[in-house]
N, C-alpha and C. Protein backbone atom coordinates (compact mmCIF):
# COMPACT_ATOMS: atom_id res chain seq x y z
N MET A 1 19.52 -22.98 11.79
CA MET A 1 18.92 -22.24 12.70
C MET A 1 18.54 -20.90 12.28
N LYS A 2 19.23 -20.39 11.45
CA LYS A 2 18.80 -18.87 10.94
C LYS A 2 17.40 -19.10 10.17
N LYS A 3 17.32 -20.07 9.20
CA LYS A 3 16.10 -20.05 8.48
C LYS A 3 14.91 -20.58 9.54
N ILE A 4 14.96 -21.08 10.56
CA ILE A 4 13.79 -21.49 11.51
C ILE A 4 13.57 -20.28 12.02
N ALA A 5 14.47 -19.29 12.58
CA ALA A 5 14.16 -18.16 13.33
C ALA A 5 13.46 -17.21 12.31
N ILE A 6 14.06 -17.15 10.97
CA ILE A 6 13.27 -16.15 10.15
C ILE A 6 12.03 -16.62 9.91
N ALA A 7 11.78 -17.92 9.60
CA ALA A 7 10.29 -18.41 9.32
C ALA A 7 9.27 -18.15 10.37
N ALA A 8 9.86 -18.17 11.76
CA ALA A 8 9.04 -17.95 12.88
C ALA A 8 8.71 -16.43 12.95
N LEU A 9 9.60 -15.75 12.54
CA LEU A 9 9.34 -14.26 12.62
C LEU A 9 8.37 -13.76 11.47
N LEU A 10 8.43 -14.52 10.26
CA LEU A 10 7.47 -14.10 9.31
C LEU A 10 6.19 -14.54 9.58
N ALA A 11 5.90 -15.84 10.32
CA ALA A 11 4.67 -16.39 10.64
C ALA A 11 4.18 -15.31 11.72
N SER A 12 4.81 -14.74 12.60
CA SER A 12 4.29 -13.96 13.73
C SER A 12 3.96 -12.48 13.20
N VAL A 13 4.68 -12.18 12.13
CA VAL A 13 3.97 -10.81 11.55
C VAL A 13 2.69 -11.05 10.91
N THR A 14 2.44 -12.10 10.39
CA THR A 14 1.23 -12.52 9.71
C THR A 14 0.05 -12.56 10.64
N LEU A 15 0.31 -13.03 11.74
CA LEU A 15 -0.64 -13.10 13.01
C LEU A 15 -1.20 -11.67 13.24
N PHE A 16 -0.59 -10.39 13.21
CA PHE A 16 -1.15 -9.26 13.67
C PHE A 16 -1.72 -8.37 12.34
N GLY A 17 -2.83 -7.87 12.34
CA GLY A 17 -3.40 -7.22 11.36
C GLY A 17 -2.80 -5.78 11.44
N ALA A 18 -3.34 -5.08 10.40
CA ALA A 18 -3.09 -3.65 10.27
C ALA A 18 -4.06 -2.93 11.10
N ASP A 19 -3.71 -1.80 11.37
CA ASP A 19 -4.43 -0.75 12.26
C ASP A 19 -4.85 0.47 11.15
N HIS A 20 -6.33 0.58 11.41
CA HIS A 20 -6.96 1.51 10.31
C HIS A 20 -7.39 2.82 11.21
N VAL A 21 -6.70 4.07 11.26
CA VAL A 21 -7.39 5.14 11.98
C VAL A 21 -8.63 6.11 11.11
N ILE A 22 -9.54 5.89 12.25
CA ILE A 22 -10.71 6.73 11.71
C ILE A 22 -10.97 7.80 12.54
N ASP A 23 -10.82 9.08 11.71
CA ASP A 23 -10.93 10.11 12.56
C ASP A 23 -12.47 10.65 12.76
N GLN A 24 -12.80 11.28 13.79
CA GLN A 24 -13.99 11.62 14.29
C GLN A 24 -13.92 13.27 14.19
N LYS A 25 -14.31 13.87 13.00
CA LYS A 25 -14.21 15.40 13.03
C LYS A 25 -15.10 16.07 12.37
N GLY A 26 -15.66 16.91 12.90
CA GLY A 26 -16.82 18.03 12.03
C GLY A 26 -18.18 16.98 12.03
N LYS A 27 -18.31 16.24 13.06
CA LYS A 27 -19.53 15.47 13.27
C LYS A 27 -19.38 14.36 11.93
N THR A 28 -18.18 13.81 11.74
CA THR A 28 -18.29 12.82 10.43
C THR A 28 -17.07 11.93 10.77
N PHE A 29 -17.27 10.67 10.27
CA PHE A 29 -16.03 9.60 10.45
C PHE A 29 -15.38 9.81 9.08
N ILE A 30 -13.91 9.86 9.22
CA ILE A 30 -13.16 10.16 8.04
C ILE A 30 -12.13 8.85 7.95
N PRO A 31 -11.98 8.12 7.24
CA PRO A 31 -13.14 8.16 6.01
C PRO A 31 -14.52 7.68 6.08
N HIS A 32 -15.30 7.83 5.23
CA HIS A 32 -16.65 7.35 5.43
C HIS A 32 -16.84 5.96 5.03
N GLU A 33 -15.89 5.30 4.43
CA GLU A 33 -15.98 4.08 4.12
C GLU A 33 -14.65 3.44 4.06
N ILE A 34 -14.48 2.12 4.28
CA ILE A 34 -13.05 1.57 4.47
C ILE A 34 -13.09 0.10 4.30
N THR A 35 -12.21 -0.43 3.67
CA THR A 35 -12.06 -1.89 3.40
C THR A 35 -11.06 -2.51 4.46
N VAL A 36 -11.23 -3.66 5.12
CA VAL A 36 -10.17 -4.15 5.97
C VAL A 36 -10.30 -5.45 6.03
N LYS A 37 -9.45 -6.20 6.81
CA LYS A 37 -9.38 -7.58 6.77
C LYS A 37 -9.60 -8.14 8.09
N VAL A 38 -10.07 -9.26 8.22
CA VAL A 38 -10.33 -9.75 9.56
C VAL A 38 -9.05 -9.95 10.18
N GLY A 39 -8.99 -9.46 11.49
CA GLY A 39 -7.82 -9.42 12.54
C GLY A 39 -7.17 -8.00 12.58
N ASP A 40 -7.65 -7.14 11.53
CA ASP A 40 -7.21 -5.68 11.72
C ASP A 40 -7.88 -5.11 12.85
N THR A 41 -7.58 -3.87 12.96
CA THR A 41 -8.02 -2.95 14.18
C THR A 41 -8.68 -1.92 13.52
N LEU A 42 -9.73 -1.22 14.12
CA LEU A 42 -10.08 0.03 14.11
C LEU A 42 -9.80 1.01 15.16
N THR A 43 -9.31 2.11 14.83
CA THR A 43 -8.69 2.85 16.09
C THR A 43 -9.32 4.35 15.63
N PHE A 44 -10.44 4.64 16.58
CA PHE A 44 -11.38 5.83 16.43
C PHE A 44 -10.62 6.82 17.43
N VAL A 45 -10.33 8.04 16.56
CA VAL A 45 -9.77 9.18 17.17
C VAL A 45 -10.77 10.38 17.30
N ASN A 46 -11.00 10.86 18.45
CA ASN A 46 -12.02 11.96 18.60
C ASN A 46 -11.20 13.31 18.33
N SER A 47 -11.21 13.95 17.14
CA SER A 47 -10.62 15.19 16.94
C SER A 47 -11.79 16.43 17.33
N ASP A 48 -12.79 16.18 17.44
CA ASP A 48 -13.93 17.13 17.85
C ASP A 48 -13.56 17.66 19.18
N PRO A 49 -14.08 18.91 19.39
CA PRO A 49 -14.23 19.29 20.86
C PRO A 49 -15.23 19.09 21.73
N PHE A 50 -16.13 17.83 21.33
CA PHE A 50 -17.02 17.11 22.12
C PHE A 50 -17.14 15.72 22.16
N ALA A 51 -17.74 14.92 22.92
CA ALA A 51 -17.67 13.64 22.87
C ALA A 51 -18.44 12.97 21.80
N HIS A 52 -18.08 11.72 21.40
CA HIS A 52 -18.64 10.82 20.42
C HIS A 52 -18.86 9.36 21.07
N ASN A 53 -19.79 8.64 20.30
CA ASN A 53 -19.85 7.12 20.74
C ASN A 53 -19.96 6.49 19.56
N ALA A 54 -18.92 5.74 19.01
CA ALA A 54 -18.87 4.84 18.04
C ALA A 54 -19.41 3.44 18.29
N TYR A 55 -20.44 2.86 17.59
CA TYR A 55 -20.72 1.60 17.86
C TYR A 55 -21.30 0.82 16.56
N THR A 56 -21.41 -0.39 16.50
CA THR A 56 -22.21 -1.18 15.62
C THR A 56 -23.01 -2.33 16.42
N ASP A 57 -24.17 -2.52 15.61
CA ASP A 57 -24.93 -3.74 16.15
C ASP A 57 -24.74 -5.03 15.40
N ASP A 58 -23.71 -4.83 14.42
CA ASP A 58 -23.54 -6.10 13.61
C ASP A 58 -23.08 -7.30 14.94
N GLU A 59 -23.94 -8.24 14.30
CA GLU A 59 -23.68 -9.34 15.32
C GLU A 59 -22.24 -9.96 15.53
N ALA A 60 -21.56 -10.10 14.35
CA ALA A 60 -20.22 -10.79 14.24
C ALA A 60 -19.08 -9.76 14.75
N ASN A 61 -19.54 -8.42 14.52
CA ASN A 61 -18.32 -7.47 14.96
C ASN A 61 -18.93 -6.54 15.88
N GLU A 62 -19.81 -6.65 16.73
CA GLU A 62 -20.37 -5.87 17.56
C GLU A 62 -19.36 -5.29 18.47
N PHE A 63 -19.49 -4.03 18.77
CA PHE A 63 -18.88 -3.09 19.60
C PHE A 63 -19.51 -1.92 20.07
N ASP A 64 -19.04 -1.34 21.17
CA ASP A 64 -19.71 -0.09 21.47
C ASP A 64 -18.44 0.62 22.21
N ILE A 65 -17.75 1.63 21.97
CA ILE A 65 -16.75 2.24 22.47
C ILE A 65 -17.02 3.05 23.69
N GLY A 66 -18.36 3.34 24.03
CA GLY A 66 -18.87 4.23 25.00
C GLY A 66 -18.57 5.78 24.77
N MET A 67 -18.65 6.45 25.84
CA MET A 67 -18.49 7.90 25.57
C MET A 67 -17.06 8.29 25.34
N GLN A 68 -16.65 8.62 24.21
CA GLN A 68 -15.37 9.03 23.87
C GLN A 68 -14.99 10.48 23.95
N ALA A 69 -14.15 10.93 24.88
CA ALA A 69 -13.89 12.34 25.12
C ALA A 69 -12.86 12.74 23.97
N PRO A 70 -13.27 14.10 23.87
CA PRO A 70 -12.15 14.85 22.92
C PRO A 70 -10.75 14.47 23.15
N GLY A 71 -10.01 14.25 22.09
CA GLY A 71 -8.55 14.08 21.96
C GLY A 71 -8.15 12.54 22.28
N THR A 72 -9.09 11.74 22.59
CA THR A 72 -8.69 10.10 22.96
C THR A 72 -8.80 9.29 21.72
N LYS A 73 -8.21 8.32 21.88
CA LYS A 73 -8.40 7.26 20.89
C LYS A 73 -8.83 5.74 21.52
N LYS A 74 -9.73 5.24 20.89
CA LYS A 74 -10.21 3.83 21.26
C LYS A 74 -10.20 2.84 19.97
N THR A 75 -9.56 1.53 20.31
CA THR A 75 -9.17 0.56 19.33
C THR A 75 -10.17 -0.63 19.48
N VAL A 76 -10.86 -1.15 18.50
CA VAL A 76 -11.53 -2.28 18.35
C VAL A 76 -11.08 -3.32 17.41
N PRO A 77 -11.41 -4.54 17.45
CA PRO A 77 -10.74 -5.50 16.49
C PRO A 77 -11.83 -5.80 15.51
N VAL A 78 -11.56 -6.18 14.38
CA VAL A 78 -12.47 -6.69 13.42
C VAL A 78 -12.40 -8.25 13.54
N LYS A 79 -13.44 -8.87 13.85
CA LYS A 79 -13.48 -10.26 14.06
C LYS A 79 -14.08 -11.17 12.89
N ALA A 80 -14.78 -10.49 12.07
CA ALA A 80 -15.43 -11.44 11.24
C ALA A 80 -15.56 -10.71 9.73
N ALA A 81 -15.64 -11.60 8.72
CA ALA A 81 -16.00 -10.96 7.42
C ALA A 81 -17.32 -10.49 7.35
N GLY A 82 -17.26 -9.60 6.51
CA GLY A 82 -18.85 -8.98 6.08
C GLY A 82 -19.04 -7.50 6.11
N LYS A 83 -20.02 -7.07 5.87
CA LYS A 83 -20.35 -5.49 5.59
C LYS A 83 -20.97 -5.07 6.88
N PHE A 84 -20.53 -3.93 7.66
CA PHE A 84 -21.34 -3.47 8.75
C PHE A 84 -21.17 -2.03 8.73
N ASP A 85 -22.18 -1.40 9.52
CA ASP A 85 -22.21 0.21 9.45
C ASP A 85 -21.74 0.47 10.91
N VAL A 86 -20.94 1.53 11.17
CA VAL A 86 -20.57 1.97 12.27
C VAL A 86 -21.20 3.27 12.64
N GLU A 87 -21.92 3.66 13.71
CA GLU A 87 -22.61 5.00 13.85
C GLU A 87 -22.13 5.44 15.17
N CYS A 88 -22.76 6.77 15.43
CA CYS A 88 -22.25 7.53 16.65
C CYS A 88 -23.72 7.65 17.23
N ALA A 89 -23.90 6.94 18.59
CA ALA A 89 -25.11 7.34 19.40
C ALA A 89 -25.50 8.80 19.59
N ILE A 90 -24.39 9.52 19.62
CA ILE A 90 -24.70 11.11 19.85
C ILE A 90 -25.12 11.85 18.74
N HIS A 91 -24.51 11.29 17.52
CA HIS A 91 -24.73 12.41 16.15
C HIS A 91 -25.04 11.30 15.14
N PRO A 92 -26.74 11.26 15.00
CA PRO A 92 -27.11 10.27 14.41
C PRO A 92 -26.83 10.11 12.82
N ASN A 93 -26.27 11.41 12.24
CA ASN A 93 -25.85 11.48 10.93
C ASN A 93 -24.50 11.03 10.55
N MET A 94 -23.72 10.50 11.68
CA MET A 94 -22.42 10.08 11.46
C MET A 94 -22.48 8.48 11.10
N LEU A 95 -22.13 8.16 10.10
CA LEU A 95 -22.02 7.08 9.19
C LEU A 95 -20.37 6.46 8.68
N LEU A 96 -20.17 5.34 9.03
CA LEU A 96 -19.00 4.57 8.44
C LEU A 96 -19.38 3.25 7.96
N GLU A 97 -19.02 3.05 6.76
CA GLU A 97 -19.33 1.63 6.11
C GLU A 97 -18.06 0.87 6.15
N VAL A 98 -18.16 -0.30 6.75
CA VAL A 98 -16.87 -1.14 6.84
C VAL A 98 -17.11 -2.35 5.91
N THR A 99 -16.22 -2.76 5.06
CA THR A 99 -16.12 -3.96 4.65
C THR A 99 -15.06 -4.81 5.14
N ALA A 100 -15.27 -5.96 5.53
CA ALA A 100 -14.29 -6.83 6.17
C ALA A 100 -13.99 -7.98 5.22
N ASN A 101 -13.05 -8.27 4.80
CA ASN A 101 -12.69 -9.64 4.00
C ASN A 101 -11.83 -10.53 4.72
């Protein structure tokens, strides 16, 4: 019975991906590029004193977190493998390059 419980626990651990924190500070994404796995999440933290709006138009991973107030966090899932860019609708020079395996 113990072996079954341990196997079930290990299987459930692999179902959940890692969370990767992306800071938005100084009108930039930190880090500027990241490699993640399908099933991981990206958590956007707004450390600036003004709003941001992170989004991607990538068909397989499309998201738009909307207006993100200072001091808040928003999390999105990585749904598919590939490379995609994340931008800020408010600050066009902000760019995050994501590679998902």
